[in-house]
N, C-alpha and C. Protein backbone atom coordinates (compact mmCIF):
# COMPACT_ATOMS: atom_id res chain seq x y z
N MET A 1 -58.72 168.84 -80.47
CA MET A 1 -58.47 167.51 -80.98
C MET A 1 -57.28 167.54 -81.93
N LYS A 2 -56.34 166.61 -81.77
CA LYS A 2 -55.13 166.60 -82.58
C LYS A 2 -55.39 165.86 -83.88
N ASN A 3 -55.34 166.61 -85.01
CA ASN A 3 -55.53 166.02 -86.32
C ASN A 3 -54.18 165.92 -87.02
N LYS A 4 -54.18 165.38 -88.20
CA LYS A 4 -52.95 165.25 -88.97
C LYS A 4 -52.36 166.62 -89.28
N VAL A 5 -51.04 166.69 -89.27
CA VAL A 5 -50.31 167.91 -89.61
C VAL A 5 -49.45 167.61 -90.84
N TYR A 6 -49.45 168.52 -91.82
CA TYR A 6 -48.80 168.28 -93.10
C TYR A 6 -47.52 169.10 -93.24
N THR A 7 -46.55 168.54 -93.96
CA THR A 7 -45.37 169.30 -94.37
C THR A 7 -45.73 170.11 -95.61
N THR A 8 -44.84 171.05 -96.00
CA THR A 8 -45.11 171.83 -97.21
C THR A 8 -45.11 170.91 -98.44
N GLY A 9 -44.28 169.86 -98.42
CA GLY A 9 -44.25 168.93 -99.54
C GLY A 9 -45.56 168.17 -99.68
N GLU A 10 -46.12 167.75 -98.55
CA GLU A 10 -47.40 167.04 -98.58
C GLU A 10 -48.52 167.95 -99.06
N VAL A 11 -48.51 169.20 -98.60
CA VAL A 11 -49.52 170.17 -99.05
C VAL A 11 -49.38 170.41 -100.55
N ALA A 12 -48.14 170.49 -101.03
CA ALA A 12 -47.89 170.70 -102.45
C ALA A 12 -48.48 169.56 -103.28
N THR A 13 -48.31 168.33 -102.81
CA THR A 13 -48.85 167.17 -103.52
C THR A 13 -50.38 167.20 -103.56
N VAL A 14 -50.98 167.52 -102.42
CA VAL A 14 -52.44 167.57 -102.34
C VAL A 14 -53.01 168.66 -103.25
N CYS A 15 -52.34 169.83 -103.28
CA CYS A 15 -52.88 170.98 -104.02
C CYS A 15 -52.39 171.05 -105.46
N GLY A 16 -51.43 170.20 -105.82
CA GLY A 16 -50.94 170.18 -107.19
C GLY A 16 -50.06 171.36 -107.55
N VAL A 17 -49.26 171.83 -106.59
CA VAL A 17 -48.35 172.95 -106.82
C VAL A 17 -46.96 172.56 -106.33
N SER A 18 -46.00 173.48 -106.44
CA SER A 18 -44.64 173.19 -105.98
C SER A 18 -44.52 173.51 -104.49
N PRO A 19 -43.58 172.87 -103.78
CA PRO A 19 -43.35 173.21 -102.36
C PRO A 19 -43.01 174.68 -102.15
N ASP A 20 -42.34 175.29 -103.12
CA ASP A 20 -42.01 176.72 -103.00
C ASP A 20 -43.27 177.57 -102.97
N THR A 21 -44.27 177.16 -103.75
CA THR A 21 -45.54 177.90 -103.76
C THR A 21 -46.22 177.81 -102.40
N VAL A 22 -46.21 176.61 -101.81
CA VAL A 22 -46.81 176.43 -100.48
C VAL A 22 -46.06 177.27 -99.45
N SER A 23 -44.73 177.30 -99.53
CA SER A 23 -43.94 178.12 -98.60
C SER A 23 -44.31 179.59 -98.74
N ARG A 24 -44.54 180.02 -99.97
CA ARG A 24 -44.93 181.42 -100.19
C ARG A 24 -46.31 181.70 -99.59
N TRP A 25 -47.25 180.78 -99.79
CA TRP A 25 -48.57 180.94 -99.16
C TRP A 25 -48.44 181.09 -97.65
N PHE A 26 -47.59 180.22 -97.08
CA PHE A 26 -47.38 180.23 -95.63
C PHE A 26 -46.79 181.56 -95.19
N ASP A 27 -45.72 182.01 -95.87
CA ASP A 27 -45.01 183.22 -95.46
C ASP A 27 -45.87 184.47 -95.63
N LEU A 28 -46.81 184.43 -96.56
CA LEU A 28 -47.71 185.57 -96.77
C LEU A 28 -48.95 185.51 -95.88
N GLY A 29 -49.06 184.42 -95.10
CA GLY A 29 -50.20 184.29 -94.20
C GLY A 29 -51.47 183.85 -94.90
N GLN A 30 -51.34 183.33 -96.13
CA GLN A 30 -52.53 182.89 -96.86
C GLN A 30 -53.03 181.53 -96.38
N ILE A 31 -52.11 180.74 -95.82
CA ILE A 31 -52.49 179.45 -95.24
C ILE A 31 -51.89 179.39 -93.83
N GLU A 32 -52.69 179.03 -92.87
CA GLU A 32 -52.26 179.08 -91.48
C GLU A 32 -51.47 177.83 -91.08
N GLY A 33 -50.46 178.04 -90.24
CA GLY A 33 -49.66 176.94 -89.75
C GLY A 33 -48.66 177.44 -88.73
N TYR A 34 -47.60 176.69 -88.54
CA TYR A 34 -46.59 177.08 -87.55
C TYR A 34 -45.25 176.50 -87.97
N ARG A 35 -44.20 176.96 -87.31
CA ARG A 35 -42.86 176.44 -87.57
C ARG A 35 -42.40 175.59 -86.41
N LEU A 36 -41.55 174.61 -86.72
CA LEU A 36 -40.95 173.77 -85.69
C LEU A 36 -39.73 174.51 -85.13
N GLY A 37 -39.98 175.46 -84.23
CA GLY A 37 -38.90 176.27 -83.67
C GLY A 37 -38.60 177.46 -84.57
N PRO A 38 -37.80 178.41 -84.09
CA PRO A 38 -37.46 179.60 -84.88
C PRO A 38 -36.77 179.23 -86.20
N GLY A 39 -37.37 179.62 -87.30
CA GLY A 39 -36.80 179.33 -88.60
C GLY A 39 -36.89 177.87 -89.01
N GLY A 40 -37.66 177.08 -88.28
CA GLY A 40 -37.77 175.65 -88.57
C GLY A 40 -38.72 175.34 -89.70
N ASP A 41 -38.90 174.04 -89.94
CA ASP A 41 -39.78 173.60 -91.01
C ASP A 41 -41.22 174.04 -90.76
N ARG A 42 -41.91 174.32 -91.85
CA ARG A 42 -43.31 174.75 -91.76
C ARG A 42 -44.22 173.53 -91.59
N ARG A 43 -45.28 173.70 -90.83
CA ARG A 43 -46.28 172.65 -90.65
C ARG A 43 -47.67 173.26 -90.78
N ILE A 44 -48.56 172.56 -91.49
CA ILE A 44 -49.92 173.05 -91.72
C ILE A 44 -50.91 172.03 -91.17
N PRO A 45 -51.70 172.40 -90.15
CA PRO A 45 -52.71 171.47 -89.60
C PRO A 45 -53.80 171.14 -90.63
N HIS A 46 -54.40 169.99 -90.44
CA HIS A 46 -55.43 169.50 -91.37
C HIS A 46 -56.55 170.52 -91.58
N GLU A 47 -57.08 171.08 -90.50
CA GLU A 47 -58.21 172.00 -90.64
C GLU A 47 -57.82 173.25 -91.40
N SER A 48 -56.57 173.73 -91.20
CA SER A 48 -56.11 174.91 -91.93
C SER A 48 -56.02 174.61 -93.42
N LEU A 49 -55.50 173.45 -93.76
CA LEU A 49 -55.40 173.07 -95.17
C LEU A 49 -56.79 172.90 -95.77
N ARG A 50 -57.68 172.28 -95.01
CA ARG A 50 -59.05 172.07 -95.51
C ARG A 50 -59.74 173.41 -95.78
N ASP A 51 -59.60 174.36 -94.85
CA ASP A 51 -60.20 175.69 -95.03
C ASP A 51 -59.62 176.40 -96.25
N PHE A 52 -58.31 176.29 -96.42
CA PHE A 52 -57.64 176.92 -97.56
C PHE A 52 -58.14 176.33 -98.87
N MET A 53 -58.23 175.01 -98.93
CA MET A 53 -58.68 174.36 -100.16
C MET A 53 -60.12 174.73 -100.48
N ARG A 54 -60.96 174.77 -99.46
CA ARG A 54 -62.36 175.14 -99.68
C ARG A 54 -62.46 176.58 -100.21
N ALA A 55 -61.67 177.48 -99.63
CA ALA A 55 -61.71 178.90 -100.01
C ALA A 55 -61.20 179.12 -101.44
N HIS A 56 -60.30 178.24 -101.91
CA HIS A 56 -59.70 178.43 -103.22
C HIS A 56 -60.21 177.43 -104.27
N GLY A 57 -61.28 176.72 -103.94
CA GLY A 57 -61.93 175.85 -104.91
C GLY A 57 -61.12 174.62 -105.29
N ILE A 58 -60.23 174.18 -104.40
CA ILE A 58 -59.45 172.96 -104.66
C ILE A 58 -60.25 171.77 -104.15
N PRO A 59 -60.50 170.76 -104.98
CA PRO A 59 -61.35 169.62 -104.57
C PRO A 59 -60.87 168.98 -103.28
N LEU A 60 -61.79 168.84 -102.33
CA LEU A 60 -61.43 168.29 -101.03
C LEU A 60 -61.16 166.79 -101.08
N ASP A 61 -61.62 166.12 -102.15
CA ASP A 61 -61.37 164.68 -102.20
C ASP A 61 -59.88 164.37 -102.32
N ARG A 62 -59.10 165.33 -102.80
CA ARG A 62 -57.65 165.14 -102.83
C ARG A 62 -57.09 165.02 -101.41
N LEU A 63 -57.69 165.76 -100.51
CA LEU A 63 -57.23 165.77 -99.12
C LEU A 63 -57.62 164.49 -98.40
N GLU A 64 -58.77 163.96 -98.73
CA GLU A 64 -59.28 162.82 -97.98
C GLU A 64 -58.74 161.48 -98.48
N GLU A 65 -58.10 161.47 -99.67
CA GLU A 65 -57.58 160.21 -100.19
C GLU A 65 -56.56 159.61 -99.22
N GLY A 66 -56.78 158.36 -98.85
CA GLY A 66 -55.86 157.70 -97.95
C GLY A 66 -56.13 157.97 -96.48
N HIS A 67 -57.13 158.80 -96.20
CA HIS A 67 -57.44 159.12 -94.81
C HIS A 67 -58.88 158.71 -94.49
N HIS A 68 -59.14 158.50 -93.23
CA HIS A 68 -60.46 158.08 -92.80
C HIS A 68 -60.96 159.01 -91.70
N GLN A 69 -62.13 159.59 -91.94
CA GLN A 69 -62.77 160.43 -90.94
C GLN A 69 -63.54 159.51 -89.98
N ILE A 70 -63.23 159.61 -88.69
CA ILE A 70 -63.89 158.79 -87.69
C ILE A 70 -64.48 159.69 -86.61
N LEU A 71 -65.72 159.44 -86.24
CA LEU A 71 -66.38 160.17 -85.16
C LEU A 71 -66.63 159.22 -84.00
N VAL A 72 -66.21 159.63 -82.81
CA VAL A 72 -66.44 158.85 -81.59
C VAL A 72 -67.51 159.56 -80.76
N VAL A 73 -68.57 158.83 -80.40
CA VAL A 73 -69.68 159.42 -79.63
C VAL A 73 -69.89 158.60 -78.36
N ASP A 74 -69.62 159.19 -77.20
CA ASP A 74 -69.79 158.49 -75.93
C ASP A 74 -69.89 159.53 -74.82
N ASP A 75 -70.85 159.36 -73.91
CA ASP A 75 -70.98 160.32 -72.81
C ASP A 75 -70.14 159.93 -71.59
N ASP A 76 -69.42 158.83 -71.70
CA ASP A 76 -68.50 158.42 -70.63
C ASP A 76 -67.12 158.98 -70.96
N PRO A 77 -66.62 159.95 -70.16
CA PRO A 77 -65.33 160.59 -70.47
C PRO A 77 -64.18 159.60 -70.58
N PHE A 78 -64.23 158.53 -69.78
CA PHE A 78 -63.14 157.54 -69.82
C PHE A 78 -63.05 156.90 -71.19
N TYR A 79 -64.17 156.39 -71.69
CA TYR A 79 -64.16 155.72 -72.99
C TYR A 79 -63.90 156.71 -74.12
N LEU A 80 -64.50 157.90 -74.03
CA LEU A 80 -64.31 158.90 -75.08
C LEU A 80 -62.83 159.24 -75.23
N ASP A 81 -62.17 159.54 -74.12
CA ASP A 81 -60.76 159.92 -74.17
C ASP A 81 -59.88 158.74 -74.60
N ALA A 82 -60.17 157.57 -74.07
CA ALA A 82 -59.34 156.40 -74.36
C ALA A 82 -59.44 156.01 -75.84
N ILE A 83 -60.65 156.02 -76.38
CA ILE A 83 -60.83 155.62 -77.78
C ILE A 83 -60.18 156.63 -78.71
N VAL A 84 -60.40 157.91 -78.43
CA VAL A 84 -59.80 158.95 -79.28
C VAL A 84 -58.27 158.86 -79.24
N ALA A 85 -57.71 158.72 -78.04
CA ALA A 85 -56.25 158.63 -77.90
C ALA A 85 -55.69 157.45 -78.67
N MET A 86 -56.39 156.31 -78.64
CA MET A 86 -55.92 155.13 -79.36
C MET A 86 -55.97 155.35 -80.87
N LEU A 87 -57.09 155.89 -81.37
CA LEU A 87 -57.25 156.08 -82.81
C LEU A 87 -56.26 157.10 -83.37
N GLU A 88 -55.95 158.12 -82.59
CA GLU A 88 -55.06 159.18 -83.08
C GLU A 88 -53.62 158.71 -83.24
N LYS A 89 -53.31 157.51 -82.75
CA LYS A 89 -51.97 156.95 -82.96
C LYS A 89 -51.79 156.51 -84.41
N THR A 90 -52.89 156.36 -85.13
CA THR A 90 -52.84 155.99 -86.55
C THR A 90 -52.96 157.25 -87.39
N PRO A 91 -51.89 157.65 -88.11
CA PRO A 91 -51.89 158.93 -88.84
C PRO A 91 -53.01 159.07 -89.87
N GLU A 92 -53.47 157.92 -90.40
CA GLU A 92 -54.51 157.97 -91.45
C GLU A 92 -55.90 158.28 -90.88
N TYR A 93 -56.05 158.23 -89.55
CA TYR A 93 -57.36 158.47 -88.96
C TYR A 93 -57.47 159.93 -88.53
N ILE A 94 -58.50 160.59 -89.03
CA ILE A 94 -58.80 161.96 -88.62
C ILE A 94 -60.00 161.85 -87.67
N VAL A 95 -59.76 162.12 -86.40
CA VAL A 95 -60.73 161.78 -85.36
C VAL A 95 -61.40 163.02 -84.77
N SER A 96 -62.71 162.93 -84.63
CA SER A 96 -63.47 163.95 -83.90
C SER A 96 -64.30 163.25 -82.84
N ALA A 97 -64.80 164.00 -81.87
CA ALA A 97 -65.49 163.38 -80.74
C ALA A 97 -66.68 164.21 -80.30
N ALA A 98 -67.69 163.51 -79.76
CA ALA A 98 -68.89 164.16 -79.23
C ALA A 98 -69.36 163.37 -78.01
N SER A 99 -69.93 164.07 -77.05
CA SER A 99 -70.42 163.40 -75.85
C SER A 99 -71.95 163.36 -75.80
N THR A 100 -72.62 163.94 -76.80
CA THR A 100 -74.09 163.90 -76.87
C THR A 100 -74.53 163.58 -78.28
N GLY A 101 -75.76 163.09 -78.40
CA GLY A 101 -76.31 162.82 -79.71
C GLY A 101 -76.49 164.08 -80.53
N PHE A 102 -76.81 165.20 -79.87
CA PHE A 102 -76.99 166.47 -80.57
C PHE A 102 -75.68 166.91 -81.21
N ASP A 103 -74.59 166.88 -80.42
CA ASP A 103 -73.28 167.27 -80.95
C ASP A 103 -72.84 166.33 -82.05
N ALA A 104 -73.18 165.05 -81.91
CA ALA A 104 -72.83 164.07 -82.94
C ALA A 104 -73.49 164.44 -84.27
N GLY A 105 -74.74 164.86 -84.23
CA GLY A 105 -75.44 165.25 -85.45
C GLY A 105 -74.75 166.41 -86.15
N THR A 106 -74.28 167.38 -85.38
CA THR A 106 -73.58 168.53 -85.94
C THR A 106 -72.28 168.10 -86.61
N LEU A 107 -71.52 167.24 -85.93
CA LEU A 107 -70.23 166.81 -86.47
C LEU A 107 -70.40 165.90 -87.69
N VAL A 108 -71.45 165.10 -87.70
CA VAL A 108 -71.72 164.25 -88.86
C VAL A 108 -71.96 165.13 -90.09
N ALA A 109 -72.73 166.19 -89.93
CA ALA A 109 -73.02 167.10 -91.03
C ALA A 109 -71.77 167.83 -91.51
N GLU A 110 -70.85 168.11 -90.59
CA GLU A 110 -69.64 168.84 -90.95
C GLU A 110 -68.60 167.97 -91.64
N SER A 111 -68.44 166.72 -91.19
CA SER A 111 -67.31 165.92 -91.66
C SER A 111 -67.67 164.69 -92.49
N ASN A 112 -68.96 164.31 -92.53
CA ASN A 112 -69.36 163.10 -93.26
C ASN A 112 -68.42 161.94 -92.97
N PRO A 113 -68.35 161.51 -91.71
CA PRO A 113 -67.37 160.47 -91.34
C PRO A 113 -67.64 159.14 -92.04
N GLN A 114 -66.55 158.39 -92.25
CA GLN A 114 -66.69 157.06 -92.84
C GLN A 114 -67.04 156.02 -91.79
N LEU A 115 -66.74 156.35 -90.53
CA LEU A 115 -67.03 155.43 -89.44
C LEU A 115 -67.46 156.22 -88.21
N VAL A 116 -68.50 155.74 -87.53
CA VAL A 116 -68.93 156.33 -86.26
C VAL A 116 -68.89 155.23 -85.20
N ILE A 117 -68.16 155.49 -84.13
CA ILE A 117 -68.17 154.60 -82.97
C ILE A 117 -69.18 155.19 -82.00
N LEU A 118 -70.29 154.52 -81.79
CA LEU A 118 -71.45 155.13 -81.16
C LEU A 118 -71.92 154.40 -79.91
N ASP A 119 -71.88 155.09 -78.80
CA ASP A 119 -72.45 154.56 -77.56
C ASP A 119 -73.97 154.52 -77.72
N ILE A 120 -74.56 153.39 -77.43
CA ILE A 120 -76.00 153.24 -77.66
C ILE A 120 -76.83 153.94 -76.58
N HIS A 121 -76.29 154.08 -75.40
CA HIS A 121 -77.04 154.72 -74.32
C HIS A 121 -76.42 156.07 -73.96
N LEU A 122 -76.79 157.10 -74.72
CA LEU A 122 -76.30 158.45 -74.48
C LEU A 122 -77.21 159.17 -73.50
N SER A 123 -76.70 160.23 -72.89
CA SER A 123 -77.47 160.93 -71.87
C SER A 123 -78.64 161.71 -72.45
N ASP A 124 -78.53 162.15 -73.72
CA ASP A 124 -79.60 163.01 -74.26
C ASP A 124 -80.52 162.29 -75.24
N MET A 125 -80.09 161.14 -75.78
CA MET A 125 -80.96 160.40 -76.70
C MET A 125 -80.42 158.99 -76.89
N ASP A 126 -81.29 158.11 -77.38
CA ASP A 126 -80.88 156.74 -77.65
C ASP A 126 -79.98 156.71 -78.88
N GLY A 127 -78.87 155.97 -78.79
CA GLY A 127 -77.95 155.89 -79.91
C GLY A 127 -78.59 155.33 -81.18
N ARG A 128 -79.66 154.55 -81.02
CA ARG A 128 -80.35 154.01 -82.20
C ARG A 128 -80.93 155.15 -83.04
N MET A 129 -81.37 156.21 -82.39
CA MET A 129 -81.90 157.37 -83.11
C MET A 129 -80.78 158.07 -83.89
N VAL A 130 -79.62 158.17 -83.26
CA VAL A 130 -78.48 158.79 -83.94
C VAL A 130 -78.10 157.95 -85.16
N CYS A 131 -78.07 156.63 -84.99
CA CYS A 131 -77.75 155.72 -86.07
C CYS A 131 -78.74 155.88 -87.23
N GLU A 132 -80.02 155.94 -86.90
CA GLU A 132 -81.04 156.07 -87.94
C GLU A 132 -80.87 157.35 -88.74
N ARG A 133 -80.57 158.44 -88.03
CA ARG A 133 -80.39 159.72 -88.72
C ARG A 133 -79.18 159.70 -89.64
N ILE A 134 -78.11 159.03 -89.21
CA ILE A 134 -76.92 158.93 -90.04
C ILE A 134 -77.22 158.12 -91.30
N LYS A 135 -77.88 156.99 -91.12
CA LYS A 135 -78.13 156.07 -92.24
C LYS A 135 -79.19 156.59 -93.22
N THR A 136 -80.05 157.48 -92.77
CA THR A 136 -81.08 158.02 -93.67
C THR A 136 -80.65 159.34 -94.31
N ARG A 137 -79.48 159.82 -93.96
CA ARG A 137 -78.93 161.04 -94.55
C ARG A 137 -78.17 160.66 -95.82
N VAL A 138 -78.43 161.36 -96.91
CA VAL A 138 -77.88 160.98 -98.21
C VAL A 138 -76.36 160.87 -98.18
N ASP A 139 -75.69 161.86 -97.59
CA ASP A 139 -74.22 161.89 -97.61
C ASP A 139 -73.57 160.86 -96.70
N THR A 140 -74.35 160.24 -95.80
CA THR A 140 -73.75 159.30 -94.86
C THR A 140 -74.46 157.93 -94.85
N GLN A 141 -75.16 157.63 -95.93
CA GLN A 141 -75.85 156.34 -96.00
C GLN A 141 -74.89 155.16 -95.89
N SER A 142 -73.66 155.33 -96.40
CA SER A 142 -72.70 154.24 -96.39
C SER A 142 -71.74 154.30 -95.20
N THR A 143 -71.96 155.25 -94.30
CA THR A 143 -71.12 155.35 -93.11
C THR A 143 -71.26 154.09 -92.26
N ARG A 144 -70.13 153.53 -91.85
CA ARG A 144 -70.14 152.35 -90.98
C ARG A 144 -70.37 152.80 -89.54
N ILE A 145 -71.17 152.03 -88.82
CA ILE A 145 -71.47 152.38 -87.43
C ILE A 145 -71.16 151.20 -86.52
N LEU A 146 -70.26 151.44 -85.58
CA LEU A 146 -69.87 150.44 -84.59
C LEU A 146 -70.51 150.81 -83.26
N GLY A 147 -71.50 150.04 -82.83
CA GLY A 147 -72.18 150.30 -81.57
C GLY A 147 -71.39 149.78 -80.39
N ILE A 148 -71.40 150.52 -79.28
CA ILE A 148 -70.76 150.05 -78.06
C ILE A 148 -71.72 150.30 -76.89
N SER A 149 -71.75 149.34 -75.96
CA SER A 149 -72.62 149.47 -74.79
C SER A 149 -72.32 148.36 -73.80
N GLY A 150 -72.62 148.63 -72.55
CA GLY A 150 -72.47 147.60 -71.53
C GLY A 150 -73.80 147.11 -71.01
N PHE A 151 -74.90 147.53 -71.68
CA PHE A 151 -76.23 147.27 -71.11
C PHE A 151 -77.16 146.51 -72.02
N LEU A 152 -76.65 145.88 -73.07
CA LEU A 152 -77.52 145.15 -73.97
C LEU A 152 -77.37 143.65 -73.78
N ASP A 153 -78.50 142.94 -73.76
CA ASP A 153 -78.41 141.49 -73.70
C ASP A 153 -78.25 140.95 -75.13
N GLU A 154 -78.08 139.64 -75.25
CA GLU A 154 -77.78 139.05 -76.56
C GLU A 154 -78.91 139.25 -77.56
N LYS A 155 -80.14 139.19 -77.09
CA LYS A 155 -81.28 139.37 -77.99
C LYS A 155 -81.30 140.78 -78.57
N GLU A 156 -81.03 141.77 -77.71
CA GLU A 156 -81.01 143.16 -78.19
C GLU A 156 -79.84 143.39 -79.14
N GLN A 157 -78.70 142.77 -78.85
CA GLN A 157 -77.54 142.90 -79.72
C GLN A 157 -77.85 142.39 -81.13
N ALA A 158 -78.58 141.29 -81.19
CA ALA A 158 -78.92 140.69 -82.48
C ALA A 158 -79.79 141.62 -83.32
N LYS A 159 -80.55 142.50 -82.68
CA LYS A 159 -81.44 143.41 -83.39
C LYS A 159 -80.70 144.61 -83.99
N LEU A 160 -79.49 144.86 -83.51
CA LEU A 160 -78.79 146.08 -83.90
C LEU A 160 -78.51 146.16 -85.40
N VAL A 161 -78.18 145.03 -86.02
CA VAL A 161 -77.89 145.04 -87.45
C VAL A 161 -79.10 145.53 -88.24
N GLY A 162 -80.27 145.06 -87.85
CA GLY A 162 -81.49 145.50 -88.51
C GLY A 162 -81.81 146.96 -88.25
N GLN A 163 -81.19 147.52 -87.22
CA GLN A 163 -81.41 148.93 -86.88
C GLN A 163 -80.34 149.84 -87.46
N GLY A 164 -79.49 149.29 -88.33
CA GLY A 164 -78.52 150.12 -89.02
C GLY A 164 -77.08 150.00 -88.57
N PHE A 165 -76.84 149.28 -87.47
CA PHE A 165 -75.47 149.13 -86.98
C PHE A 165 -74.73 148.07 -87.82
N ASP A 166 -73.44 148.31 -88.04
CA ASP A 166 -72.63 147.39 -88.83
C ASP A 166 -71.86 146.41 -87.95
N ASP A 167 -71.66 146.75 -86.70
CA ASP A 167 -70.96 145.86 -85.78
C ASP A 167 -71.24 146.35 -84.36
N PHE A 168 -70.83 145.54 -83.37
CA PHE A 168 -71.13 145.87 -81.98
C PHE A 168 -70.05 145.32 -81.06
N LEU A 169 -69.71 146.09 -80.03
CA LEU A 169 -68.80 145.63 -78.98
C LEU A 169 -69.43 145.91 -77.63
N ARG A 170 -69.37 144.92 -76.75
CA ARG A 170 -69.92 145.10 -75.42
C ARG A 170 -68.84 145.61 -74.46
N LYS A 171 -69.16 146.65 -73.73
CA LYS A 171 -68.25 147.18 -72.71
C LYS A 171 -68.24 146.25 -71.49
N PRO A 172 -67.09 146.14 -70.81
CA PRO A 172 -65.78 146.69 -71.20
C PRO A 172 -65.12 145.81 -72.26
N PHE A 173 -64.27 146.43 -73.07
CA PHE A 173 -63.58 145.68 -74.12
C PHE A 173 -62.12 146.15 -74.19
N PRO A 174 -61.23 145.25 -74.63
CA PRO A 174 -59.84 145.65 -74.83
C PRO A 174 -59.75 146.63 -76.01
N MET A 175 -58.92 147.64 -75.89
CA MET A 175 -58.78 148.61 -76.98
C MET A 175 -58.28 147.95 -78.26
N ASP A 176 -57.49 146.91 -78.12
CA ASP A 176 -57.01 146.19 -79.31
C ASP A 176 -58.18 145.60 -80.10
N SER A 177 -59.18 145.11 -79.37
CA SER A 177 -60.35 144.54 -80.04
C SER A 177 -61.12 145.61 -80.80
N LEU A 178 -61.23 146.78 -80.20
CA LEU A 178 -61.92 147.89 -80.88
C LEU A 178 -61.16 148.28 -82.14
N LEU A 179 -59.85 148.37 -82.05
CA LEU A 179 -59.04 148.76 -83.20
C LEU A 179 -59.19 147.75 -84.33
N GLN A 180 -59.26 146.48 -83.99
CA GLN A 180 -59.45 145.44 -85.01
C GLN A 180 -60.79 145.61 -85.71
N ARG A 181 -61.84 145.91 -84.94
CA ARG A 181 -63.18 146.11 -85.54
C ARG A 181 -63.16 147.34 -86.45
N VAL A 182 -62.50 148.40 -85.99
CA VAL A 182 -62.42 149.63 -86.78
C VAL A 182 -61.74 149.36 -88.12
N ARG A 183 -60.62 148.67 -88.08
CA ARG A 183 -59.88 148.37 -89.31
C ARG A 183 -60.71 147.50 -90.25
N ALA A 184 -61.40 146.52 -89.68
CA ALA A 184 -62.22 145.63 -90.51
C ALA A 184 -63.34 146.39 -91.21
N LEU A 185 -64.00 147.27 -90.48
CA LEU A 185 -65.10 148.04 -91.06
C LEU A 185 -64.60 149.01 -92.13
N LEU A 186 -63.48 149.67 -91.88
CA LEU A 186 -62.94 150.61 -92.87
C LEU A 186 -62.41 149.87 -94.09
N ASN A 187 -61.82 148.70 -93.89
CA ASN A 187 -61.33 147.91 -95.02
C ASN A 187 -62.47 147.44 -95.90
N SER A 188 -63.57 147.03 -95.28
CA SER A 188 -64.72 146.58 -96.07
C SER A 188 -65.31 147.75 -96.84
N ASP A 189 -65.24 148.94 -96.25
CA ASP A 189 -65.73 150.15 -96.92
C ASP A 189 -64.85 150.49 -98.11
N ASP A 190 -63.52 150.37 -97.93
CA ASP A 190 -62.58 150.65 -99.02
C ASP A 190 -62.79 149.68 -100.18
N GLN A 191 -62.99 148.39 -99.86
CA GLN A 191 -63.19 147.39 -100.90
C GLN A 191 -64.47 147.66 -101.68
N ALA A 192 -65.51 148.10 -100.96
CA ALA A 192 -66.77 148.42 -101.63
C ALA A 192 -66.59 149.61 -102.58
N SER A 193 -65.79 150.61 -102.14
CA SER A 193 -65.53 151.79 -102.97
C SER A 193 -64.75 151.41 -104.22
N ASP A 194 -63.74 150.53 -104.06
CA ASP A 194 -62.94 150.11 -105.20
C ASP A 194 -63.79 149.36 -106.21
N THR A 195 -64.69 148.52 -105.73
CA THR A 195 -65.57 147.77 -106.61
C THR A 195 -66.49 148.69 -107.39
N ALA A 196 -67.00 149.72 -106.68
CA ALA A 196 -67.92 150.67 -107.34
C ALA A 196 -67.21 151.47 -108.42
N LYS A 197 -65.89 151.71 -108.27
CA LYS A 197 -65.14 152.52 -109.22
C LYS A 197 -64.77 151.74 -110.49
N ARG A 198 -64.75 150.41 -110.39
CA ARG A 198 -64.35 149.61 -111.54
C ARG A 198 -65.40 149.66 -112.65
N PRO A 199 -64.97 149.79 -113.89
CA PRO A 199 -65.96 149.80 -114.99
C PRO A 199 -66.64 148.45 -115.10
N GLY A 200 -67.94 148.48 -115.34
CA GLY A 200 -68.67 147.23 -115.42
C GLY A 200 -68.58 146.58 -116.77
């Protein structure tokens, strides 16, 4: 999965050091990355930076500021690939994907996503169960969940909010519509976070 890639300057800002220090880490092999051609600029993938920060006790919230972790869960390869490809066009979105409810549970525990796009009818379990587990987990109680399905009637759709879903799209849907829902859910989450941070 293609995640964000950082320049040495961006890594320096996140870690609170000089770009020269980051270059030295890179050249000594302390932080993994690659060069853009022989002798080219250094680039550090998101996961490499995250591992480095975790190993050296640098707060990970510095890395996540301005970025949104999104998990896409769908057992239909067409939708899974299409949704991931669309979301990855936005640099602020760090996207992971799962095709089963079991794999989704593992990824939720690893990344604590801010948004989960969840197919309600998965091959190994009902998406409502996945939703319930996410919402009852302390670290992901505020995670937004966008349900997608082509098999729900209007009455069942109306029940989804009470079952923990924050929004719903019926398949098939235009990718632009999905992107609009994603932005709306993440924006509402950001506004809630800003309100919580303000002194009362």
